[in-house]
Amino acid sequence: MTLKYLSLYGSRGIKIVKGEGQYVWDSNGNKYLDCHTCHGVAFLGHRHPKIVNAIKEQLDNMISLSTAFESSLRDEVLTALEKVVPKRYNYVYFLNSGSECVDFALKVARKVRKKVKFISFTNSFHGRTFGALSVTWNPKYREPFKPLVPEVEFLKYNDVSSLDKTVNEDVAAVIVEPVQGEGGINPATHEFMKTLREVTQERGVILIVDEIQSGCGRTGYTWASDMYGVYGDIMLVGKAIAGGFPVSIAFLTDDIGSQLGEGDHGSTFGGNPLALAAVKAGVDVITSEDVSGRARVMGNKLMSRLSSIVKDFKIVRELRGVGLMLGVELRFEPKPVIECLQRSGVLALKAGTTVVRFLPPYLINDEDVEDIASIMSRCLNEETTRRLNVKTA
């Protein structure tokens, strides 16, 4: 018998063997500036010393513990989270992945509201587990697995007019990303977020805000919600919060959390001691190193440099994003540009159907910004030339 890894992401053709800070190295010793960061996970950098040390120390103490038992470490993590989490949230539930966190939120909304309908938005992405997939927009992901969770309706993202007509008392919850990541780096408008909050509050509908990619300082704010001054009834957090350790967290208001009881959900590994140690250290990094402030400054610099470059290329449709969550939309599938970036020492990834996505760690410096910009310019020029040659051949 020969076991084969079931590869469902495809292959980038290189074997990464080490990461440190904003860089990774492959098995041939080649160094890359990591703007992929495992879909945004390594935003605090690879192997941040505080997080590595916290996990090592916890390994010498305890690895697994059921949440049926009290935990001093859990109490310490809750106290740490109080420093960064919006004050409206009173309850915390620990899970392992973003998709799992979304599924939990959907279950909670069903129980609390005693309604079945969910509303999501075009170009949304919330994960690939059954519930999360049901509220994810891309038909390519959903079609092979239908029928999914019933009564999910997708509204046009940033379309204020659709909210009043569709968000009514029969809806259990609306789930939204303040800044869409996988869908193409699409920030919500202030009007859209404020109207969405007003309509859901007025009609008693639960608002689930998915901050799994946009949270922890990536947008230049601790939470993208801070940018709008709009907060959900449930906030979902993951990816960067534990510096790369698999953790997700659901934050709930008192009105919602107080209605849940024993047996309503469970997660064997959720909130395990190693995860808690990583979260505690991650929050320390976020607060003590002004992660959001640095992301805002470096994001503005990167946006400015990319803006000065892409305006010269007709193959570029738009540059957009916020903080260190940026996307360059092309007029074609971005694979050749992403491959060129990789050959040149920058790892980026695709978003939507035509967007090159940059999700670098907050640690990037001025030299890194210049490298990203100059290499992107070279790759856009290379692809422009290639397309002209194909056209004239």
Protein backbone atom coordinates (compact mmCIF):
# COMPACT_ATOMS: atom_id res chain seq x y z
CA MET A 1 0.00 0.00 0.00
CA THR A 2 1.22 3.49 -0.89
CA LEU A 3 -0.42 6.45 0.77
CA LYS A 4 -0.78 9.63 -1.26
CA TYR A 5 -1.52 13.04 0.12
CA LEU A 6 -4.90 14.27 -1.09
CA SER A 7 -3.83 17.62 -2.51
CA LEU A 8 -6.87 19.89 -2.81
CA TYR A 9 -4.98 23.18 -3.12
CA GLY A 10 -2.76 22.29 -6.07
CA SER A 11 1.01 22.75 -5.82
CA ARG A 12 3.22 25.82 -6.06
CA GLY A 13 6.14 23.60 -7.09
CA ILE A 14 8.50 24.49 -4.24
CA LYS A 15 9.11 22.86 -0.87
CA ILE A 16 9.19 25.40 1.97
CA VAL A 17 11.42 24.23 4.83
CA LYS A 18 11.87 27.25 7.10
CA GLY A 19 10.22 30.52 8.05
CA GLU A 20 11.43 33.46 10.09
CA GLY A 21 9.79 36.87 10.37
CA GLN A 22 8.53 37.96 6.97
CA TYR A 23 10.65 35.44 5.04
CA VAL A 24 10.58 31.75 4.13
CA TRP A 25 13.16 29.48 2.51
CA ASP A 26 12.73 26.53 0.17
CA SER A 27 14.62 23.23 0.09
CA ASN A 28 17.11 24.68 -2.39
CA GLY A 29 18.01 27.55 -0.08
CA ASN A 30 16.06 30.19 -2.00
CA LYS A 31 14.67 33.01 0.15
CA TYR A 32 11.19 34.48 -0.39
CA LEU A 33 9.40 37.52 0.97
CA ASP A 34 6.18 35.93 2.16
CA CYS A 35 3.08 37.84 1.06
CA HIS A 36 1.09 34.60 1.02
CA THR A 37 1.46 33.84 4.75
CA CYS A 38 -0.70 30.71 4.54
CA HIS A 39 -3.71 32.78 3.45
CA GLY A 40 -2.95 35.45 6.04
CA VAL A 41 -2.13 33.22 9.00
CA ALA A 42 1.49 34.35 9.51
CA PHE A 43 0.62 38.04 9.84
CA LEU A 44 2.59 38.25 13.10
CA GLY A 45 5.56 36.74 11.29
CA HIS A 46 6.92 33.23 11.13
CA ARG A 47 8.11 31.85 14.47
CA HIS A 48 7.64 35.02 16.49
CA PRO A 49 9.89 34.48 19.55
CA LYS A 50 7.16 35.30 22.08
CA ILE A 51 4.78 32.77 20.57
CA VAL A 52 7.43 30.08 20.08
CA ASN A 53 8.57 30.41 23.70
CA ALA A 54 5.00 30.33 25.02
CA ILE A 55 4.26 27.10 23.16
CA LYS A 56 7.56 25.52 24.27
CA GLU A 57 6.87 26.35 27.90
CA GLN A 58 3.36 24.94 27.68
CA LEU A 59 4.67 21.72 26.12
CA ASP A 60 6.56 21.08 29.34
CA ASN A 61 3.37 21.50 31.36
CA MET A 62 0.30 20.12 29.59
CA ILE A 63 -0.79 19.54 25.99
CA SER A 64 -4.46 18.59 26.20
CA LEU A 65 -7.22 19.35 28.66
CA SER A 66 -10.98 19.11 28.34
CA THR A 67 -12.85 22.37 28.77
CA ALA A 68 -14.95 20.53 31.35
CA PHE A 69 -12.11 21.32 33.75
CA GLU A 70 -11.20 24.75 35.06
CA SER A 71 -7.99 26.29 33.75
CA SER A 72 -5.86 29.13 35.11
CA LEU A 73 -4.36 29.58 31.65
CA ARG A 74 -7.83 30.00 30.15
CA ASP A 75 -8.59 32.67 32.74
CA GLU A 76 -5.36 34.46 31.84
CA VAL A 77 -6.22 34.35 28.14
CA LEU A 78 -9.67 35.81 28.77
CA THR A 79 -8.08 38.66 30.73
CA ALA A 80 -5.61 39.26 27.89
CA LEU A 81 -8.38 39.27 25.27
CA GLU A 82 -10.26 41.92 27.23
CA LYS A 83 -7.48 44.35 26.24
CA VAL A 84 -8.18 44.03 22.52
CA VAL A 85 -11.76 42.86 22.03
CA PRO A 86 -14.60 45.39 21.61
CA LYS A 87 -16.41 45.91 24.91
CA ARG A 88 -19.78 44.76 23.60
CA TYR A 89 -18.69 41.10 23.67
CA ASN A 90 -19.13 39.15 26.92
CA TYR A 91 -18.69 35.52 25.89
CA VAL A 92 -15.82 33.66 24.22
CA TYR A 93 -15.75 30.23 22.59
CA PHE A 94 -12.52 28.66 21.33
CA LEU A 95 -12.37 26.48 18.22
CA ASN A 96 -9.70 25.32 15.77
CA SER A 97 -10.31 26.80 12.33
CA GLY A 98 -12.16 29.60 10.62
CA SER A 99 -14.66 27.29 8.95
CA GLU A 100 -15.44 25.59 12.26
CA CYS A 101 -15.98 29.00 13.81
CA VAL A 102 -18.45 29.95 11.08
CA ASP A 103 -20.38 26.70 11.51
CA PHE A 104 -20.62 27.38 15.24
CA ALA A 105 -21.98 30.89 14.63
CA LEU A 106 -24.63 29.61 12.21
CA LYS A 107 -25.76 27.00 14.74
CA VAL A 108 -25.96 29.62 17.46
CA ALA A 109 -28.03 31.94 15.28
CA ARG A 110 -30.48 29.15 14.49
CA LYS A 111 -30.98 28.35 18.17
CA VAL A 112 -31.23 31.92 19.43
CA ARG A 113 -33.45 33.29 16.66
CA LYS A 114 -35.50 30.13 16.07
CA LYS A 115 -35.38 31.02 12.37
CA VAL A 116 -33.68 29.16 9.53
CA LYS A 117 -32.80 31.72 6.85
CA PHE A 118 -29.30 33.14 6.39
CA ILE A 119 -28.14 36.04 4.28
CA SER A 120 -24.64 36.29 2.84
CA PHE A 121 -23.14 38.34 0.01
CA THR A 122 -21.70 38.04 -3.47
CA ASN A 123 -17.97 37.23 -3.52
CA SER A 124 -18.08 36.15 0.12
CA PHE A 125 -15.85 33.39 1.44
CA HIS A 126 -16.42 31.83 4.85
CA GLY A 127 -14.89 28.37 4.48
CA ARG A 128 -15.44 24.92 3.03
CA THR A 129 -17.04 22.89 5.82
CA PHE A 130 -20.72 22.19 5.18
CA GLY A 131 -22.24 25.18 6.95
CA ALA A 132 -19.50 27.65 6.04
CA LEU A 133 -19.64 26.52 2.41
CA SER A 134 -23.38 27.15 2.36
CA VAL A 135 -22.81 30.87 3.00
CA THR A 136 -19.81 31.10 0.64
CA TRP A 137 -20.61 32.75 -2.68
CA ASN A 138 -18.45 31.06 -5.32
CA PRO A 139 -20.63 28.54 -7.20
CA LYS A 140 -17.46 26.60 -8.11
CA TYR A 141 -17.10 25.63 -4.47
CA ARG A 142 -20.80 25.05 -3.75
CA GLU A 143 -22.20 23.27 -6.80
CA PRO A 144 -20.55 19.82 -6.35
CA PHE A 145 -21.94 19.51 -2.82
CA LYS A 146 -25.54 20.62 -3.20
CA PRO A 147 -27.99 20.48 -1.56
CA LEU A 148 -26.32 22.47 1.18
CA VAL A 149 -27.88 24.25 4.16
CA PRO A 150 -31.28 25.46 2.88
CA GLU A 151 -32.61 29.00 2.78
CA VAL A 152 -29.41 30.93 2.15
CA GLU A 153 -29.77 34.07 0.05
CA PHE A 154 -26.88 36.05 -1.42
CA LEU A 155 -27.23 39.81 -1.75
CA LYS A 156 -24.96 42.10 -3.72
CA TYR A 157 -22.04 43.22 -1.56
CA ASN A 158 -22.03 46.97 -0.89
CA ASP A 159 -25.56 47.34 -2.29
CA VAL A 160 -27.41 49.28 0.40
CA SER A 161 -30.74 49.18 -1.41
CA SER A 162 -31.04 45.39 -1.12
CA LEU A 163 -30.75 45.36 2.67
CA ASP A 164 -34.05 46.98 3.59
CA LYS A 165 -35.96 44.77 1.15
CA THR A 166 -34.48 41.44 2.20
CA VAL A 167 -33.30 41.57 5.81
CA ASN A 168 -36.56 40.95 7.64
CA GLU A 169 -37.84 39.27 10.80
CA ASP A 170 -37.71 35.83 9.16
CA VAL A 171 -33.91 35.92 8.89
CA ALA A 172 -31.82 34.15 11.54
CA ALA A 173 -28.56 35.93 10.73
CA VAL A 174 -26.59 37.95 8.23
CA ILE A 175 -22.92 37.07 7.85
CA VAL A 176 -20.49 39.59 6.37
CA GLU A 177 -16.77 40.22 5.89
CA PRO A 178 -15.90 43.90 6.50
CA VAL A 179 -13.13 43.39 3.95
CA GLN A 180 -13.60 40.45 1.62
CA GLY A 181 -10.37 38.49 1.25
CA GLU A 182 -10.64 35.44 -0.98
CA GLY A 183 -13.43 37.15 -2.91
CA GLY A 184 -11.04 39.75 -4.32
CA ILE A 185 -9.90 42.20 -1.58
CA ASN A 186 -13.14 44.17 -1.47
CA PRO A 187 -13.55 46.61 1.44
CA ALA A 188 -17.12 47.37 2.46
CA THR A 189 -18.27 50.96 2.22
CA HIS A 190 -19.03 52.81 5.44
CA GLU A 191 -22.60 53.36 4.28
CA PHE A 192 -23.08 49.65 3.66
CA MET A 193 -21.78 48.55 7.06
CA LYS A 194 -23.71 51.20 8.98
CA THR A 195 -26.95 50.45 7.13
CA LEU A 196 -26.48 46.71 7.62
CA ARG A 197 -26.06 47.22 11.37
CA GLU A 198 -29.09 49.51 11.57
CA VAL A 199 -31.35 47.13 9.64
CA THR A 200 -30.32 44.02 11.57
CA GLN A 201 -30.74 45.75 14.93
CA GLU A 202 -34.12 47.16 13.99
CA ARG A 203 -35.43 43.72 12.98
CA GLY A 204 -33.77 41.61 15.65
CA VAL A 205 -31.54 39.78 13.17
CA ILE A 206 -28.15 38.53 14.36
CA LEU A 207 -25.19 40.13 12.59
CA ILE A 208 -22.16 37.83 12.29
CA VAL A 209 -18.98 39.70 11.39
CA ASP A 210 -16.28 37.47 9.93
CA GLU A 211 -12.90 38.99 10.88
CA ILE A 212 -10.96 35.77 10.35
CA GLN A 213 -8.72 37.32 7.68
CA SER A 214 -9.21 41.03 8.34
CA GLY A 215 -8.70 40.98 12.12
CA CYS A 216 -5.72 41.21 14.48
CA GLY A 217 -4.41 44.45 12.99
CA ARG A 218 -4.07 43.49 9.33
CA THR A 219 -6.20 46.38 8.05
CA GLY A 220 -4.35 48.96 10.16
CA TYR A 221 -7.03 48.68 12.83
CA THR A 222 -7.13 45.98 15.50
CA TRP A 223 -10.41 44.87 13.92
CA ALA A 224 -11.75 45.98 10.56
CA SER A 225 -14.97 46.66 12.48
CA ASP A 226 -13.11 49.52 14.21
CA MET A 227 -12.62 51.16 10.84
CA TYR A 228 -16.39 51.42 10.42
CA GLY A 229 -17.43 51.79 14.04
CA VAL A 230 -19.78 48.88 13.37
CA TYR A 231 -19.76 45.71 15.46
CA GLY A 232 -21.66 42.47 15.09
CA ASP A 233 -23.53 40.39 17.62
CA ILE A 234 -21.00 37.64 16.93
CA MET A 235 -17.43 38.33 15.82
CA LEU A 236 -15.32 35.54 14.35
CA VAL A 237 -11.54 35.61 14.67
CA GLY A 238 -8.82 33.22 13.54
CA LYS A 239 -5.71 32.94 11.38
CA ALA A 240 -3.26 35.46 12.91
CA ILE A 241 -4.51 35.56 16.52
CA ALA A 242 -2.14 32.79 17.67
CA GLY A 243 0.77 33.50 15.35
CA GLY A 244 0.18 30.49 13.15
CA PHE A 245 -1.07 27.98 15.71
CA PRO A 246 -4.50 26.59 14.68
CA VAL A 247 -7.02 28.58 16.69
CA SER A 248 -10.29 30.36 16.03
CA ILE A 249 -12.45 32.30 18.45
CA ALA A 250 -16.09 33.34 18.47
CA PHE A 251 -16.97 36.41 20.52
CA LEU A 252 -20.64 36.78 21.48
CA THR A 253 -22.73 39.47 23.12
CA ASP A 254 -24.43 38.74 26.42
CA ASP A 255 -27.85 38.50 24.74
CA ILE A 256 -26.60 35.60 22.62
CA GLY A 257 -24.09 33.84 24.84
CA SER A 258 -26.48 33.70 27.78
CA GLN A 259 -28.93 31.63 25.72
CA LEU A 260 -26.49 28.78 25.12
CA GLY A 261 -26.14 25.83 27.43
CA GLU A 262 -24.44 22.51 28.01
CA GLY A 263 -24.36 20.32 24.92
CA ASP A 264 -25.19 23.05 22.41
CA HIS A 265 -21.76 22.66 20.85
CA GLY A 266 -18.46 20.93 21.44
CA SER A 267 -14.89 20.97 20.19
CA THR A 268 -12.46 18.37 21.52
CA PHE A 269 -9.37 20.41 20.71
CA GLY A 270 -10.97 23.85 20.99
CA GLY A 271 -9.20 25.91 23.62
CA ASN A 272 -6.51 23.31 24.30
CA PRO A 273 -3.56 24.45 26.45
CA LEU A 274 -1.13 24.88 23.55
CA ALA A 275 -3.66 26.97 21.65
CA LEU A 276 -4.38 29.10 24.71
CA ALA A 277 -0.67 29.71 25.29
CA ALA A 278 -0.29 30.79 21.67
CA VAL A 279 -3.31 33.12 21.87
CA LYS A 280 -2.03 34.75 25.05
CA ALA A 281 1.35 35.39 23.42
CA GLY A 282 -0.29 36.55 20.19
CA VAL A 283 -2.38 39.13 22.02
CA ASP A 284 0.79 40.31 23.78
CA VAL A 285 2.45 40.83 20.39
CA ILE A 286 -0.58 42.67 19.00
CA THR A 287 -0.72 45.08 21.94
CA SER A 288 2.95 45.59 22.83
CA GLU A 289 4.31 45.91 19.30
CA ASP A 290 1.60 48.22 17.91
CA VAL A 291 0.84 45.73 15.18
CA SER A 292 -2.13 47.65 13.77
CA GLY A 293 -0.21 50.93 13.72
CA ARG A 294 2.71 49.40 11.86
CA ALA A 295 0.35 47.66 9.44
CA ARG A 296 -1.30 51.00 8.72
CA VAL A 297 2.02 52.77 8.08
CA MET A 298 3.57 50.01 5.98
CA GLY A 299 0.28 49.37 4.20
CA ASN A 300 0.09 53.01 3.16
CA LYS A 301 3.66 52.86 1.88
CA LEU A 302 3.02 49.67 -0.08
CA MET A 303 -0.23 51.03 -1.49
CA SER A 304 1.55 54.22 -2.56
CA ARG A 305 4.40 52.36 -4.29
CA LEU A 306 2.09 49.92 -6.04
CA SER A 307 -0.15 52.79 -7.11
CA SER A 308 2.78 54.58 -8.73
CA ILE A 309 3.58 51.43 -10.70
CA VAL A 310 0.28 49.91 -11.79
CA LYS A 311 -1.00 53.13 -13.39
CA ASP A 312 1.41 52.52 -16.26
CA PHE A 313 0.00 49.10 -17.14
CA LYS A 314 -3.16 48.63 -19.17
CA ILE A 315 -3.37 45.02 -18.01
CA VAL A 316 -4.21 46.31 -14.50
CA ARG A 317 -7.84 47.10 -13.82
CA GLU A 318 -7.62 48.35 -10.21
CA LEU A 319 -5.54 48.47 -7.03
CA ARG A 320 -7.50 48.26 -3.79
CA GLY A 321 -7.32 47.26 -0.17
CA VAL A 322 -6.56 48.58 3.28
CA GLY A 323 -3.58 48.18 5.58
CA LEU A 324 -1.59 45.08 4.63
CA MET A 325 -4.51 43.46 2.84
CA LEU A 326 -4.01 44.56 -0.76
CA GLY A 327 -5.07 43.34 -4.18
CA VAL A 328 -4.09 44.18 -7.75
CA GLU A 329 -6.94 43.30 -10.09
CA LEU A 330 -5.80 42.31 -13.56
CA ARG A 331 -7.79 41.92 -16.77
CA PHE A 332 -7.09 38.19 -16.87
CA GLU A 333 -6.40 35.17 -14.66
CA PRO A 334 -3.45 36.15 -12.43
CA LYS A 335 -1.52 32.86 -12.46
CA PRO A 336 1.32 34.00 -14.77
CA VAL A 337 1.99 37.10 -12.67
CA ILE A 338 1.89 35.12 -9.41
CA GLU A 339 4.34 32.60 -10.91
CA CYS A 340 6.65 35.42 -12.01
CA LEU A 341 6.56 36.92 -8.51
CA GLN A 342 7.48 33.54 -7.04
CA ARG A 343 10.40 33.06 -9.44
CA SER A 344 11.59 36.52 -8.38
CA GLY A 345 11.38 35.87 -4.64
CA VAL A 346 7.93 37.15 -3.64
CA LEU A 347 5.10 34.79 -2.66
CA ALA A 348 1.62 36.16 -3.38
CA LEU A 349 -1.71 34.44 -3.96
CA LYS A 350 -4.88 34.67 -5.98
CA ALA A 351 -8.12 36.29 -4.84
CA GLY A 352 -11.39 36.20 -6.73
CA THR A 353 -10.83 35.35 -10.39
CA THR A 354 -8.39 38.06 -11.49
CA VAL A 355 -6.71 39.51 -8.39
CA VAL A 356 -3.12 39.18 -7.17
CA ARG A 357 -3.39 39.30 -3.38
CA PHE A 358 -0.66 40.55 -1.05
CA LEU A 359 -0.94 39.56 2.64
CA PRO A 360 2.51 40.28 4.10
CA PRO A 361 3.39 40.17 7.80
CA TYR A 362 3.28 43.43 9.76
CA LEU A 363 7.08 43.13 10.07
CA ILE A 364 7.83 44.21 6.50
CA ASN A 365 10.16 47.19 6.19
CA ASP A 366 10.88 49.88 3.60
CA GLU A 367 13.27 47.61 1.72
CA ASP A 368 10.61 44.90 1.53
CA VAL A 369 8.08 47.40 0.19
CA GLU A 370 10.52 48.43 -2.52
CA ASP A 371 11.22 44.79 -3.40
CA ILE A 372 7.52 43.97 -3.72
CA ALA A 373 6.88 47.03 -5.88
CA SER A 374 9.89 46.65 -8.18
CA ILE A 375 9.35 42.92 -8.67
CA MET A 376 5.64 43.48 -9.34
CA SER A 377 6.55 46.11 -11.92
CA ARG A 378 8.96 43.70 -13.61
CA CYS A 379 6.35 40.92 -13.66
CA LEU A 380 3.62 43.17 -15.06
CA ASN A 381 6.03 44.32 -17.76
CA GLU A 382 6.98 40.73 -18.54
CA GLU A 383 3.35 39.67 -18.86
CA THR A 384 2.49 42.73 -20.97
CA THR A 385 5.32 41.87 -23.37
CA ARG A 386 4.34 38.21 -23.50
CA ARG A 387 0.76 39.06 -24.36
CA LEU A 388 1.83 41.49 -27.08
CA ASN A 389 4.08 38.84 -28.61
CA VAL A 390 1.26 36.28 -28.57
CA LYS A 391 -1.09 38.81 -30.16
CA THR A 392 1.32 39.67 -32.99
CA ALA A 393 2.52 36.10 -33.62
